[in-house]
Amino acid sequence: MSENTGGAEEAQPKAAADAEAATGVSPTDPAPAQAADPAPAPAADPASAPAQAAPPASAPAGGPSAAAAPPQPGAHTGRPGWQPHHHQMQPRPWAPPPPRPPAKPSWATVVRPAEAAPVRTAALVAVLASGLAAALLLADGMGPGLLLAVVPAAVASYVAARAAGRTARPWTLAWVIGCLALLAVPALRDSAWPATLAILAAVLLGALALHGSRTWPGVFLSPLGFADSTVSGIAWILKGLRSRGGIGKDRWLPVAKAAAVAVALLVLFGALFASADAAFADLLGGLIPDVSVEDGPIRFMLFVLGAVIAIAAARTAAAPLRWDRIEVAPGKPRSRVEWALPLVVLNLLFAGFNAVQLAVLFGGYDKVLDSTGLTYAEYARQGFWQLLWATLLTLAVIALALRWAPRSGAGDRRLVRVVLGSLCALTLVVVAAALRRMDLYVDAYGLTRLRVSVAAMELWLGLVIVLIMAAGVFGARWLPRAVAGSAAAAVLAFGLLSPDGMIAERNVARYEKDQKIDLAYFQSLSADAVPALDRLPEPQRSCALRGINDDMARAGDVPWYAMSMGEYRAREVLRERPVTASYEVCSRLGSFGSRTEY
């Protein structure tokens, strides 16, 4: 047999015999001829319709109605007693595999910016102005000229953002104001290291303002968006120039003629007025940058750098990378015991250390020094650095604990808040102990740049811990921006307080108290320290100011746009009361000795 019947013949022999006895037809005989005749059967008598509709068992044996009854629609027309067999559809081996779920896009695809709006003419003019300002104002140094050179770039960013339909939000305005305030630090302070920190913090705030980032990946990665915007921004600017007809003669020639006429008029009448009045000549000479052929290459490089920075900022404002779309998957939640046990043990250790600190605070340091054998300086200095590292590691522990914290219900959330909140509170006591150690060390050996820097960092870490505690109560959605804002605010306060001025003030006060002073250290300070050092008696005053005076003498005349307020005040002080002590006198006082700062 060619068809699998599943053993139907063997299962129904008795039913076939009964059918033969009742109808006189063997199941193995061929079907009647009229059943196979394709000719239509005669119309059935209406009276016979009920008989035809009746089951075969009720029809008379051998009756014509039973033999001539047509098959019912859908009935099996094979051999009597046979049942149809339905095969189950099997998958074909050559069928295509089922479609796979779509692959998760890479982070580079997720953060891809939208199509940038066409560049406006005002943005092109602002980019050109930024390049010119950088070339004219930054070749002699960074002072107020840095802020003036950045303003056109900010204007270009604003125009590009408005063209793209972006609106300013409260956080954006805060970032912009903070960025401009940080760029004012080089205009106020002569010291290079707080000015450098201020510029780096300004870059961070500018990136946050242009990208609008809110999450941790956005805060950390936003400054990297300037690199992508630099490449795409140049193509964006060229596309805008081509859409305006490029640099066709009919476009640039009228502008060039007007600019040439304006320059000629300024030169002609400016020279006449300068020759007519000496005061005006002095004012004009101080306002106009001194451009020469020798510094042409450096000014050209500054022009390119200023224009490229403005292009990157404007392109970022038009279509920023969307860093906030990067999702950081949380870690696998741990059980309560697995998660809480190490942290509880750490809390107990912190509590024991803090109890000892309180006992030392109320019992006095002399007893501790006698029992440990350490000197005053060793106890204070070593303790501070260890406690600083403890604070940093605690922040790392908190971050990892939040990643693997249990989060199956409200009970788990309460446990996380209690355990980590206790750790944060105990860490604040450690921060206070570290700052107390530094204060003791400064009282004994004076203030230096390194000591004031690490003390400021410890204060900021304490502020971060307070923000983490607040996020545990009010929610952590705002925490990334708050931490970034606190860092920028700390840098701004650090620059405005004038670290070199603070160092000079503290050491002068220490000299007035116990007649101890380190004149060699003052030689490396900036002009910000001059007002405080000017209070010293001679010859200590002249020896303390000698290094600063020599540096300003070598620099010569500095234009207003490259001179900070601190340098201006220092020049005024030294002009009124110049350095008088000789080199030999200062050498005997130890002004030129070497020293190691720690």
Protein backbone atom coordinates (compact mmCIF):
# COMPACT_ATOMS: atom_id res chain seq x y z
CA MET A 1 0.00 0.00 0.00
CA SER A 2 1.21 3.42 -0.85
CA GLU A 3 -0.65 5.15 1.92
CA ASN A 4 -0.19 4.60 5.61
CA THR A 5 -3.63 3.54 6.96
CA GLY A 6 -2.55 2.86 10.47
CA GLY A 7 -3.93 -0.83 10.38
CA ALA A 8 -7.53 0.00 9.43
CA GLU A 9 -8.05 -3.32 7.52
CA GLU A 10 -7.10 -5.49 10.46
CA ALA A 11 -9.19 -3.47 12.88
CA GLN A 12 -12.53 -3.76 11.00
CA PRO A 13 -13.04 -7.32 9.54
CA LYS A 14 -16.26 -7.96 11.50
CA ALA A 15 -17.83 -4.66 10.50
CA ALA A 16 -17.16 -5.49 6.83
CA ALA A 17 -18.87 -8.91 7.12
CA ASP A 18 -21.96 -7.41 8.71
CA ALA A 19 -22.18 -4.84 5.94
CA GLU A 20 -22.05 -7.65 3.28
CA ALA A 21 -24.83 -9.57 4.97
CA ALA A 22 -27.06 -6.53 5.17
CA THR A 23 -26.59 -5.19 1.66
CA GLY A 24 -25.52 -8.18 -0.38
CA VAL A 25 -22.40 -6.28 -1.53
CA SER A 26 -18.95 -7.35 -0.59
CA PRO A 27 -16.63 -4.58 0.54
CA THR A 28 -14.04 -5.94 -1.88
CA ASP A 29 -16.33 -5.83 -4.93
CA PRO A 30 -16.06 -2.87 -7.30
CA ALA A 31 -18.47 -0.04 -6.78
CA PRO A 32 -21.76 -0.10 -8.74
CA ALA A 33 -21.59 1.31 -12.22
CA GLN A 34 -24.17 3.97 -11.62
CA ALA A 35 -22.11 5.30 -8.72
CA ALA A 36 -19.24 5.96 -11.09
CA ASP A 37 -21.46 7.16 -13.94
CA PRO A 38 -20.85 10.88 -14.37
CA ALA A 39 -24.33 11.39 -15.80
CA PRO A 40 -26.64 13.27 -13.48
CA ALA A 41 -29.09 11.16 -11.50
CA PRO A 42 -32.84 11.62 -12.11
CA ALA A 43 -34.59 14.04 -9.85
CA ALA A 44 -35.53 12.43 -6.57
CA ASP A 45 -39.18 12.04 -5.64
CA PRO A 46 -40.10 14.44 -2.87
CA ALA A 47 -41.71 11.61 -1.03
CA SER A 48 -38.50 9.70 -0.97
CA ALA A 49 -36.47 12.60 0.49
CA PRO A 50 -37.03 11.56 4.08
CA ALA A 51 -36.03 8.02 3.23
CA GLN A 52 -32.84 9.20 1.58
CA ALA A 53 -32.04 11.35 4.52
CA ALA A 54 -32.54 8.46 6.95
CA PRO A 55 -29.56 6.42 8.08
CA PRO A 56 -28.71 3.34 5.96
CA ALA A 57 -29.66 1.06 8.80
CA SER A 58 -33.36 2.12 8.55
CA ALA A 59 -33.58 1.61 4.77
CA PRO A 60 -35.02 -1.68 3.37
CA ALA A 61 -32.32 -4.16 2.54
CA GLY A 62 -31.40 -3.92 -1.12
CA GLY A 63 -33.79 -0.97 -1.67
CA PRO A 64 -33.11 1.28 -4.65
CA SER A 65 -32.94 4.36 -2.50
CA ALA A 66 -29.99 2.99 -0.55
CA ALA A 67 -28.10 1.98 -3.67
CA ALA A 68 -28.71 5.20 -5.60
CA ALA A 69 -28.18 7.68 -2.78
CA PRO A 70 -25.48 10.20 -3.79
CA PRO A 71 -22.62 10.80 -1.41
CA GLN A 72 -23.13 13.58 1.05
CA PRO A 73 -20.96 16.65 0.64
CA GLY A 74 -17.70 16.24 2.51
CA ALA A 75 -18.29 12.49 3.09
CA HIS A 76 -15.49 10.00 2.51
CA THR A 77 -15.86 8.41 -0.93
CA GLY A 78 -13.25 5.65 -0.49
CA ARG A 79 -13.91 2.06 0.47
CA PRO A 80 -16.67 1.43 2.99
CA GLY A 81 -15.36 1.01 6.48
CA TRP A 82 -12.23 3.01 5.81
CA GLN A 83 -11.47 6.12 7.81
CA PRO A 84 -9.49 9.07 6.43
CA HIS A 85 -6.04 9.53 7.93
CA HIS A 86 -4.75 13.05 8.52
CA HIS A 87 -1.00 13.52 8.42
CA GLN A 88 0.59 16.01 10.80
CA MET A 89 2.58 18.70 9.01
CA GLN A 90 6.27 18.26 9.69
CA PRO A 91 8.70 21.17 9.29
CA ARG A 92 10.66 21.00 6.12
CA PRO A 93 14.37 20.55 6.65
CA TRP A 94 15.11 23.14 4.00
CA ALA A 95 12.79 25.82 5.43
CA PRO A 96 14.46 29.09 6.49
CA PRO A 97 15.22 29.45 10.22
CA PRO A 98 12.87 31.53 12.33
CA PRO A 99 13.77 35.22 12.40
CA ARG A 100 16.13 36.24 15.17
CA PRO A 101 15.23 39.07 17.52
CA PRO A 102 16.78 42.36 16.47
CA ALA A 103 20.28 42.87 17.85
CA LYS A 104 20.77 45.55 20.45
CA PRO A 105 22.35 48.60 18.79
CA SER A 106 25.84 49.58 19.83
CA TRP A 107 26.42 52.62 22.01
CA ALA A 108 27.91 54.45 19.03
CA THR A 109 24.58 54.06 17.23
CA VAL A 110 22.55 54.98 20.28
CA VAL A 111 24.35 58.27 20.93
CA ARG A 112 24.44 59.34 17.29
CA PRO A 113 23.25 62.95 16.97
CA ALA A 114 20.33 64.10 14.92
CA GLU A 115 20.72 65.94 11.66
CA ALA A 116 22.09 69.41 12.33
CA ALA A 117 20.15 72.45 11.22
CA PRO A 118 21.79 74.57 8.51
CA VAL A 119 24.37 76.98 9.85
CA ARG A 120 23.23 80.57 10.01
CA THR A 121 25.20 83.57 8.87
CA ALA A 122 25.36 84.95 12.40
CA ALA A 123 27.06 81.75 13.55
CA LEU A 124 29.64 82.06 10.76
CA VAL A 125 30.40 85.62 11.77
CA ALA A 126 30.73 84.61 15.43
CA VAL A 127 33.17 81.82 14.49
CA LEU A 128 35.30 84.30 12.56
CA ALA A 129 35.19 86.75 15.48
CA SER A 130 36.27 84.03 17.90
CA GLY A 131 39.30 83.19 15.77
CA LEU A 132 40.30 86.83 15.46
CA ALA A 133 39.88 87.41 19.21
CA ALA A 134 42.05 84.40 20.01
CA ALA A 135 44.76 85.57 17.61
CA LEU A 136 44.81 89.13 18.93
CA LEU A 137 44.22 88.60 22.67
CA LEU A 138 45.88 85.32 23.64
CA ALA A 139 49.35 85.62 22.17
CA ASP A 140 50.66 87.55 25.19
CA GLY A 141 49.03 85.44 27.91
CA MET A 142 45.72 84.51 29.46
CA GLY A 143 43.98 87.26 31.33
CA PRO A 144 40.74 89.00 30.50
CA GLY A 145 41.50 88.16 26.87
CA LEU A 146 40.52 84.53 27.43
CA LEU A 147 37.00 85.47 28.50
CA LEU A 148 36.70 87.95 25.63
CA ALA A 149 37.81 85.31 23.12
CA VAL A 150 35.26 82.79 24.41
CA VAL A 151 32.28 85.15 24.22
CA PRO A 152 31.99 84.94 20.38
CA ALA A 153 32.08 81.14 20.61
CA ALA A 154 29.22 81.30 23.12
CA VAL A 155 27.28 83.52 20.71
CA ALA A 156 27.84 81.04 17.87
CA SER A 157 26.56 78.22 20.10
CA TYR A 158 23.47 80.20 21.03
CA VAL A 159 22.64 80.98 17.40
CA ALA A 160 23.12 77.34 16.36
CA ALA A 161 20.96 76.08 19.24
CA ARG A 162 18.13 78.46 18.35
CA ALA A 163 18.31 77.40 14.72
CA ALA A 164 17.94 73.77 15.85
CA GLY A 165 14.89 74.63 17.95
CA ARG A 166 16.58 73.98 21.31
CA THR A 167 15.50 75.96 24.34
CA ALA A 168 17.47 76.80 27.47
CA ARG A 169 16.51 75.03 30.70
CA PRO A 170 17.38 76.06 34.26
CA TRP A 171 20.29 73.62 34.45
CA THR A 172 21.57 74.89 31.10
CA LEU A 173 21.56 78.48 32.31
CA ALA A 174 23.35 77.43 35.49
CA TRP A 175 26.06 75.67 33.47
CA VAL A 176 26.54 78.70 31.20
CA ILE A 177 26.83 81.13 34.10
CA GLY A 178 29.24 78.83 35.89
CA CYS A 179 31.35 78.41 32.76
CA LEU A 180 31.73 82.15 32.26
CA ALA A 181 32.47 82.65 35.97
CA LEU A 182 35.22 80.04 35.84
CA LEU A 183 36.76 81.69 32.79
CA ALA A 184 36.95 84.90 34.82
CA VAL A 185 39.39 83.27 37.27
CA PRO A 186 42.42 83.80 34.96
CA ALA A 187 41.41 87.45 34.74
CA LEU A 188 41.45 87.77 38.54
CA ARG A 189 44.30 85.51 39.67
CA ASP A 190 47.88 85.38 38.46
CA SER A 191 48.54 81.85 39.75
CA ALA A 192 48.59 79.29 36.95
CA TRP A 193 47.38 76.19 38.80
CA PRO A 194 43.96 77.46 39.98
CA ALA A 195 43.51 79.10 36.55
CA THR A 196 44.19 75.74 34.86
CA LEU A 197 41.68 73.97 37.11
CA ALA A 198 39.16 76.70 36.33
CA ILE A 199 39.60 76.26 32.57
CA LEU A 200 39.15 72.48 32.82
CA ALA A 201 36.03 72.92 34.96
CA ALA A 202 34.72 75.46 32.43
CA VAL A 203 35.13 72.89 29.66
CA LEU A 204 33.09 70.41 31.70
CA LEU A 205 30.29 72.89 32.35
CA GLY A 206 30.28 74.01 28.73
CA ALA A 207 29.94 70.40 27.59
CA LEU A 208 27.05 69.82 30.01
CA ALA A 209 25.32 72.99 28.82
CA LEU A 210 25.64 72.07 25.14
CA HIS A 211 24.78 68.37 25.49
CA GLY A 212 22.11 68.74 28.17
CA SER A 213 23.39 65.61 29.93
CA ARG A 214 21.71 64.37 33.10
CA THR A 215 23.06 60.86 33.78
CA TRP A 216 26.43 59.59 34.97
CA PRO A 217 27.54 58.51 31.44
CA GLY A 218 26.49 61.92 30.15
CA VAL A 219 28.41 63.79 32.84
CA PHE A 220 31.60 61.80 32.29
CA LEU A 221 31.47 61.56 28.48
CA SER A 222 30.08 64.97 27.47
CA PRO A 223 33.54 66.63 27.12
CA LEU A 224 34.46 63.91 24.60
CA GLY A 225 31.66 65.13 22.35
CA PHE A 226 33.79 68.12 21.38
CA ALA A 227 36.19 65.80 19.53
CA ASP A 228 33.37 64.43 17.35
CA SER A 229 31.92 67.91 16.85
CA THR A 230 35.27 69.24 15.68
CA VAL A 231 35.38 66.81 12.74
CA SER A 232 31.69 67.00 11.84
CA GLY A 233 31.60 70.75 12.53
CA ILE A 234 34.17 71.57 9.87
CA ALA A 235 32.10 69.68 7.28
CA TRP A 236 29.00 71.43 8.61
CA ILE A 237 30.59 74.87 8.16
CA LEU A 238 31.81 74.03 4.64
CA LYS A 239 28.35 72.83 3.72
CA GLY A 240 26.91 76.11 4.95
CA LEU A 241 29.43 78.09 2.89
CA ARG A 242 28.62 76.08 -0.25
CA SER A 243 24.91 76.64 0.27
CA ARG A 244 25.63 80.37 0.24
CA GLY A 245 27.54 80.18 -3.00
CA GLY A 246 30.92 79.46 -1.44
CA ILE A 247 33.37 82.32 -1.57
CA GLY A 248 32.21 83.85 -4.78
CA LYS A 249 33.58 87.21 -5.77
CA ASP A 250 30.18 88.86 -5.70
CA ARG A 251 29.83 87.94 -2.04
CA TRP A 252 33.17 88.61 -0.44
CA LEU A 253 34.35 91.55 -2.50
CA PRO A 254 31.85 94.13 -1.12
CA VAL A 255 32.59 93.00 2.44
CA ALA A 256 36.34 93.20 1.84
CA LYS A 257 36.02 96.71 0.38
CA ALA A 258 33.98 97.92 3.34
CA ALA A 259 36.44 96.40 5.82
CA ALA A 260 39.40 97.97 4.03
CA VAL A 261 37.78 101.40 4.06
CA ALA A 262 36.97 101.04 7.79
CA VAL A 263 40.54 100.06 8.63
CA ALA A 264 41.92 102.94 6.60
CA LEU A 265 39.69 105.46 8.35
CA LEU A 266 40.61 104.08 11.78
CA VAL A 267 44.32 104.25 11.04
CA LEU A 268 44.16 107.74 9.57
CA PHE A 269 42.09 109.43 12.23
CA GLY A 270 43.58 107.39 15.03
CA ALA A 271 47.07 108.53 14.10
CA LEU A 272 45.93 112.13 13.92
CA PHE A 273 44.29 112.02 17.35
CA ALA A 274 47.24 110.18 18.90
CA SER A 275 49.67 112.79 17.64
CA ALA A 276 47.42 115.57 18.90
CA ASP A 277 47.09 114.28 22.51
CA ALA A 278 49.62 112.24 24.50
CA ALA A 279 47.01 110.86 26.91
CA PHE A 280 44.94 109.55 24.02
CA ALA A 281 48.06 108.10 22.43
CA ASP A 282 48.87 106.24 25.65
CA LEU A 283 45.31 104.93 25.92
CA LEU A 284 45.26 103.87 22.30
CA GLY A 285 48.59 102.12 22.60
CA GLY A 286 47.38 100.15 25.58
CA LEU A 287 44.12 99.09 23.95
CA ILE A 288 45.42 97.99 20.55
CA PRO A 289 47.34 94.69 20.50
CA ASP A 290 50.93 94.96 19.38
CA VAL A 291 51.09 92.79 16.26
CA SER A 292 54.43 92.14 14.58
CA VAL A 293 55.76 89.91 11.85
CA GLU A 294 57.76 87.79 14.30
CA ASP A 295 54.71 86.55 16.18
CA GLY A 296 52.69 85.97 12.99
CA PRO A 297 52.91 82.13 13.09
CA ILE A 298 51.75 81.89 16.69
CA ARG A 299 48.88 84.27 16.04
CA PHE A 300 47.84 82.27 12.99
CA MET A 301 47.80 79.11 15.08
CA LEU A 302 45.72 80.85 17.73
CA PHE A 303 43.31 82.03 15.03
CA VAL A 304 42.82 78.47 13.79
CA LEU A 305 42.47 77.16 17.34
CA GLY A 306 39.89 79.79 18.30
CA ALA A 307 37.86 79.21 15.14
CA VAL A 308 37.93 75.42 15.55
CA ILE A 309 36.81 75.66 19.18
CA ALA A 310 33.94 77.94 18.16
CA ILE A 311 32.98 75.54 15.34
CA ALA A 312 32.98 72.56 17.73
CA ALA A 313 30.84 74.43 20.24
CA ALA A 314 28.34 75.60 17.61
CA ARG A 315 28.09 72.12 16.03
CA THR A 316 27.51 70.57 19.45
CA ALA A 317 24.76 73.08 20.16
CA ALA A 318 23.11 72.32 16.80
CA ALA A 319 23.14 68.51 17.15
CA PRO A 320 24.73 67.14 20.32
CA LEU A 321 25.63 63.54 20.92
CA ARG A 322 22.94 61.91 23.06
CA TRP A 323 25.05 60.47 25.85
CA ASP A 324 22.05 60.02 28.14
CA ARG A 325 20.83 57.17 25.95
CA ILE A 326 23.64 54.95 27.18
CA GLU A 327 22.11 52.58 29.70
CA VAL A 328 24.24 51.10 32.46
CA ALA A 329 22.71 47.78 33.45
CA PRO A 330 22.50 47.33 37.22
CA GLY A 331 24.43 44.50 38.78
CA LYS A 332 22.88 41.27 39.93
CA PRO A 333 21.08 41.92 43.23
CA ARG A 334 22.51 40.03 46.16
CA SER A 335 20.73 38.57 49.12
CA ARG A 336 20.41 40.65 52.24
CA VAL A 337 22.99 38.68 54.20
CA GLU A 338 25.49 38.55 51.35
CA TRP A 339 25.19 42.26 50.75
CA ALA A 340 24.80 43.67 54.25
CA LEU A 341 27.30 41.59 56.23
CA PRO A 342 30.52 43.15 54.79
CA LEU A 343 29.08 46.65 55.07
CA VAL A 344 27.96 46.17 58.66
CA VAL A 345 31.45 44.96 59.57
CA LEU A 346 32.91 48.03 57.82
CA ASN A 347 30.53 50.29 59.75
CA LEU A 348 31.69 48.75 63.02
CA LEU A 349 35.29 49.40 62.06
CA PHE A 350 34.52 53.02 61.22
CA ALA A 351 32.65 53.42 64.50
CA GLY A 352 35.62 52.08 66.46
CA PHE A 353 38.03 54.43 64.70
CA ASN A 354 35.77 57.42 65.28
CA ALA A 355 35.47 56.53 68.97
CA VAL A 356 39.26 56.60 69.23
CA GLN A 357 39.33 59.99 67.49
CA LEU A 358 36.87 61.41 69.98
CA ALA A 359 38.90 60.01 72.87
CA VAL A 360 42.06 61.61 71.47
CA LEU A 361 40.26 64.90 70.93
CA PHE A 362 39.12 65.10 74.54
CA GLY A 363 42.15 63.38 76.09
CA GLY A 364 44.80 65.47 74.35
CA TYR A 365 47.48 64.69 71.80
CA ASP A 366 50.41 64.57 74.18
CA LYS A 367 49.31 61.26 75.64
CA VAL A 368 48.93 59.80 72.17
CA LEU A 369 52.35 61.01 71.09
CA ASP A 370 53.97 59.55 74.19
CA SER A 371 52.32 56.16 73.67
CA THR A 372 53.00 55.92 69.92
CA GLY A 373 56.49 57.42 69.81
CA LEU A 374 55.58 59.60 66.84
CA THR A 375 56.51 63.21 66.48
CA TYR A 376 53.88 65.91 66.11
CA ALA A 377 54.49 66.22 62.37
CA GLU A 378 54.49 62.48 61.73
CA TYR A 379 51.21 61.96 63.56
CA ALA A 380 49.46 64.79 61.73
CA ARG A 381 50.87 64.26 58.23
CA GLN A 382 50.63 60.46 58.05
CA GLY A 383 47.17 60.45 59.54
CA PHE A 384 45.86 62.93 56.99
CA TRP A 385 46.97 60.99 53.94
CA GLN A 386 45.58 57.70 55.26
CA LEU A 387 42.25 59.32 56.05
CA LEU A 388 42.12 60.93 52.61
CA TRP A 389 42.54 57.53 50.99
CA ALA A 390 39.93 56.08 53.33
CA THR A 391 37.44 58.70 52.13
CA LEU A 392 38.14 57.94 48.47
CA LEU A 393 37.81 54.19 48.99
CA THR A 394 34.58 54.68 50.88
CA LEU A 395 33.06 56.42 47.87
CA ALA A 396 34.10 53.46 45.72
CA VAL A 397 32.55 51.04 48.20
CA ILE A 398 29.28 53.00 48.17
CA ALA A 399 29.16 52.94 44.36
CA LEU A 400 29.73 49.17 44.21
CA ALA A 401 27.28 48.52 47.03
CA LEU A 402 24.55 50.42 45.21
CA ARG A 403 25.21 48.40 42.07
CA TRP A 404 24.66 45.03 43.77
CA ALA A 405 22.17 46.11 46.43
CA PRO A 406 19.05 43.97 47.02
CA ARG A 407 15.97 45.60 45.52
CA SER A 408 13.09 43.16 45.75
CA GLY A 409 10.85 45.33 47.90
CA ALA A 410 10.43 48.19 50.33
CA GLY A 411 12.25 46.27 53.07
CA ASP A 412 15.36 45.99 50.91
CA ARG A 413 15.28 49.70 50.14
CA ARG A 414 15.09 50.52 53.84
CA LEU A 415 18.00 48.21 54.56
CA VAL A 416 20.13 49.87 51.88
CA ARG A 417 19.33 53.34 53.20
CA VAL A 418 20.13 52.44 56.79
CA VAL A 419 23.40 50.64 56.07
CA LEU A 420 24.78 53.09 53.52
CA GLY A 421 23.46 56.10 55.42
CA SER A 422 25.33 54.93 58.51
CA LEU A 423 28.49 54.46 56.45
CA CYS A 424 28.18 57.98 55.02
CA ALA A 425 27.65 59.51 58.45
CA LEU A 426 30.68 57.71 59.85
CA THR A 427 32.73 58.78 56.84
CA LEU A 428 31.92 62.41 57.57
CA VAL A 429 33.54 61.98 60.96
CA VAL A 430 36.62 60.59 59.18
CA VAL A 431 36.65 63.68 56.92
CA ALA A 432 36.51 65.94 59.97
CA ALA A 433 39.38 64.01 61.58
CA ALA A 434 41.48 64.36 58.42
CA LEU A 435 40.91 68.09 58.26
CA ARG A 436 41.81 68.40 61.93
CA ARG A 437 45.08 66.56 61.28
CA MET A 438 45.90 68.94 58.44
CA ASP A 439 45.13 71.95 60.61
CA LEU A 440 47.56 70.69 63.24
CA TYR A 441 50.23 70.13 60.64
CA VAL A 442 49.79 73.60 59.15
CA ASP A 443 49.99 75.20 62.58
CA ALA A 444 53.35 73.54 63.11
CA TYR A 445 54.94 73.83 59.68
CA GLY A 446 52.99 76.37 57.64
CA LEU A 447 50.70 76.22 54.64
CA THR A 448 51.84 75.12 51.16
CA ARG A 449 50.19 74.60 47.79
CA LEU A 450 50.06 70.84 48.25
CA ARG A 451 48.52 71.09 51.71
CA VAL A 452 45.87 73.60 50.72
CA SER A 453 45.01 71.56 47.61
CA VAL A 454 44.48 68.26 49.41
CA ALA A 455 42.56 69.98 52.20
CA ALA A 456 40.24 71.52 49.60
CA MET A 457 39.82 68.12 47.98
CA GLU A 458 38.92 66.55 51.32
CA LEU A 459 36.30 69.22 51.87
CA TRP A 460 34.78 68.53 48.46
CA LEU A 461 34.70 64.78 49.13
CA GLY A 462 32.79 65.50 52.32
CA LEU A 463 30.31 67.56 50.29
CA VAL A 464 29.86 64.65 47.87
CA ILE A 465 29.07 62.33 50.77
CA VAL A 466 26.45 64.79 52.00
CA LEU A 467 24.91 64.85 48.50
CA ILE A 468 24.80 61.04 48.48
CA MET A 469 22.98 61.06 51.80
CA ALA A 470 20.48 63.59 50.44
CA ALA A 471 19.97 61.43 47.33
CA GLY A 472 19.09 58.49 49.57
CA VAL A 473 16.26 60.56 51.05
CA PHE A 474 14.99 62.62 48.11
CA GLY A 475 15.94 60.44 45.13
CA ALA A 476 19.10 60.23 43.06
CA ARG A 477 17.95 61.53 39.70
CA TRP A 478 19.63 64.90 40.27
CA LEU A 479 22.80 63.46 41.84
CA PRO A 480 25.08 63.36 38.72
CA ARG A 481 24.47 67.01 37.91
CA ALA A 482 24.74 68.00 41.56
CA VAL A 483 28.15 66.32 41.90
CA ALA A 484 29.38 68.00 38.71
CA GLY A 485 28.07 71.35 39.89
CA SER A 486 29.68 70.94 43.30
CA ALA A 487 33.03 70.19 41.69
CA ALA A 488 32.80 73.31 39.51
CA ALA A 489 31.71 75.42 42.49
CA ALA A 490 34.64 74.11 44.53
CA VAL A 491 37.09 75.00 41.76
CA LEU A 492 35.54 78.45 41.41
CA ALA A 493 35.73 79.10 45.15
CA PHE A 494 39.29 77.80 45.20
CA GLY A 495 40.30 80.27 42.49
CA LEU A 496 38.47 83.23 43.94
CA LEU A 497 39.98 82.68 47.39
CA SER A 498 43.48 82.99 45.84
CA PRO A 499 45.44 79.98 47.16
CA ASP A 500 48.79 81.75 46.86
CA GLY A 501 47.38 84.69 48.78
CA MET A 502 46.07 82.33 51.47
CA ILE A 503 49.47 80.65 51.75
CA ALA A 504 51.21 84.00 52.14
CA GLU A 505 48.67 85.22 54.70
CA ARG A 506 48.99 82.08 56.83
CA ASN A 507 52.79 82.08 56.80
CA VAL A 508 53.02 85.80 57.59
CA ALA A 509 50.68 85.29 60.54
CA ARG A 510 52.86 82.39 61.69
CA TYR A 511 55.96 84.61 61.45
CA GLU A 512 54.32 87.32 63.50
CA LYS A 513 53.51 84.71 66.15
CA ASP A 514 56.75 82.71 66.52
CA GLN A 515 59.24 84.39 64.13
CA LYS A 516 59.44 81.30 61.91
CA ILE A 517 59.27 81.72 58.12
CA ASP A 518 60.36 79.84 55.01
CA LEU A 519 61.64 82.50 52.60
CA ALA A 520 62.75 79.93 50.02
CA TYR A 521 59.19 78.74 49.46
CA PHE A 522 57.95 82.25 48.61
CA GLN A 523 60.21 82.45 45.54
CA SER A 524 57.88 80.10 43.64
CA LEU A 525 54.61 81.84 44.49
CA SER A 526 52.70 84.01 42.04
CA ALA A 527 51.94 87.71 42.16
CA ASP A 528 48.78 86.94 44.14
CA ALA A 529 50.97 86.60 47.26
CA VAL A 530 52.48 90.11 47.04
CA PRO A 531 49.87 92.02 49.14
CA ALA A 532 50.30 89.63 52.09
CA LEU A 533 54.10 89.41 51.83
CA ASP A 534 54.29 93.19 51.72
CA ARG A 535 53.43 93.21 55.45
CA LEU A 536 56.71 91.55 56.42
CA PRO A 537 59.47 93.73 57.91
CA GLU A 538 62.68 94.37 56.01
CA PRO A 539 64.80 92.62 54.93
CA GLN A 540 62.41 89.62 55.08
CA ARG A 541 59.93 91.51 52.90
CA SER A 542 62.37 92.19 50.08
CA CYS A 543 63.77 88.64 50.24
CA ALA A 544 60.29 87.10 50.13
CA LEU A 545 59.33 89.26 47.13
CA ARG A 546 62.58 88.90 45.25
CA GLY A 547 61.58 85.91 43.14
CA ILE A 548 58.20 87.41 42.19
CA ASN A 549 59.83 90.75 41.37
CA ASP A 550 62.39 89.09 39.10
CA ASP A 551 59.68 87.15 37.24
CA MET A 552 57.68 90.30 36.50
CA ALA A 553 60.79 92.18 35.45
CA ARG A 554 61.63 89.47 32.92
CA ALA A 555 58.06 89.56 31.57
CA GLY A 556 58.32 93.29 30.88
CA ASP A 557 55.29 95.34 29.99
CA VAL A 558 52.18 93.20 29.70
CA PRO A 559 49.08 94.46 27.84
CA TRP A 560 45.85 94.83 29.73
CA TYR A 561 44.15 91.85 28.07
CA ALA A 562 46.95 89.53 29.27
CA MET A 563 47.35 90.91 32.81
CA SER A 564 45.33 89.55 35.71
CA MET A 565 44.04 91.66 38.55
CA GLY A 566 46.50 89.96 40.90
CA GLU A 567 49.46 90.88 38.72
CA TYR A 568 48.23 94.46 38.37
CA ARG A 569 48.03 94.88 42.15
CA ALA A 570 51.47 93.32 42.60
CA ARG A 571 53.02 95.70 40.07
CA GLU A 572 51.47 98.65 41.87
CA VAL A 573 52.85 97.48 45.23
CA LEU A 574 56.36 96.90 43.88
CA ARG A 575 56.32 100.21 42.04
CA GLU A 576 55.54 102.07 45.24
CA ARG A 577 57.84 99.99 47.48
CA PRO A 578 60.50 98.26 45.40
CA VAL A 579 62.73 95.43 46.56
CA THR A 580 65.77 96.83 48.40
CA ALA A 581 67.61 93.91 50.04
CA SER A 582 70.72 92.66 48.24
CA TYR A 583 71.31 89.15 47.00
CA GLU A 584 73.88 88.45 49.74
CA VAL A 585 71.49 89.43 52.52
CA CYS A 586 68.71 87.26 51.12
CA SER A 587 71.12 84.38 50.66
CA ARG A 588 72.11 84.53 54.35
CA LEU A 589 68.42 84.43 55.31
CA GLY A 590 67.93 81.26 53.26
CA SER A 591 65.88 82.71 50.43
CA PHE A 592 67.56 80.62 47.73
CA GLY A 593 67.87 77.28 49.47
CA SER A 594 66.26 74.12 48.14
CA ARG A 595 63.31 72.52 49.91
CA THR A 596 61.03 69.52 49.60
CA GLU A 597 57.31 70.05 49.92
CA TYR A 598 55.18 67.38 51.56
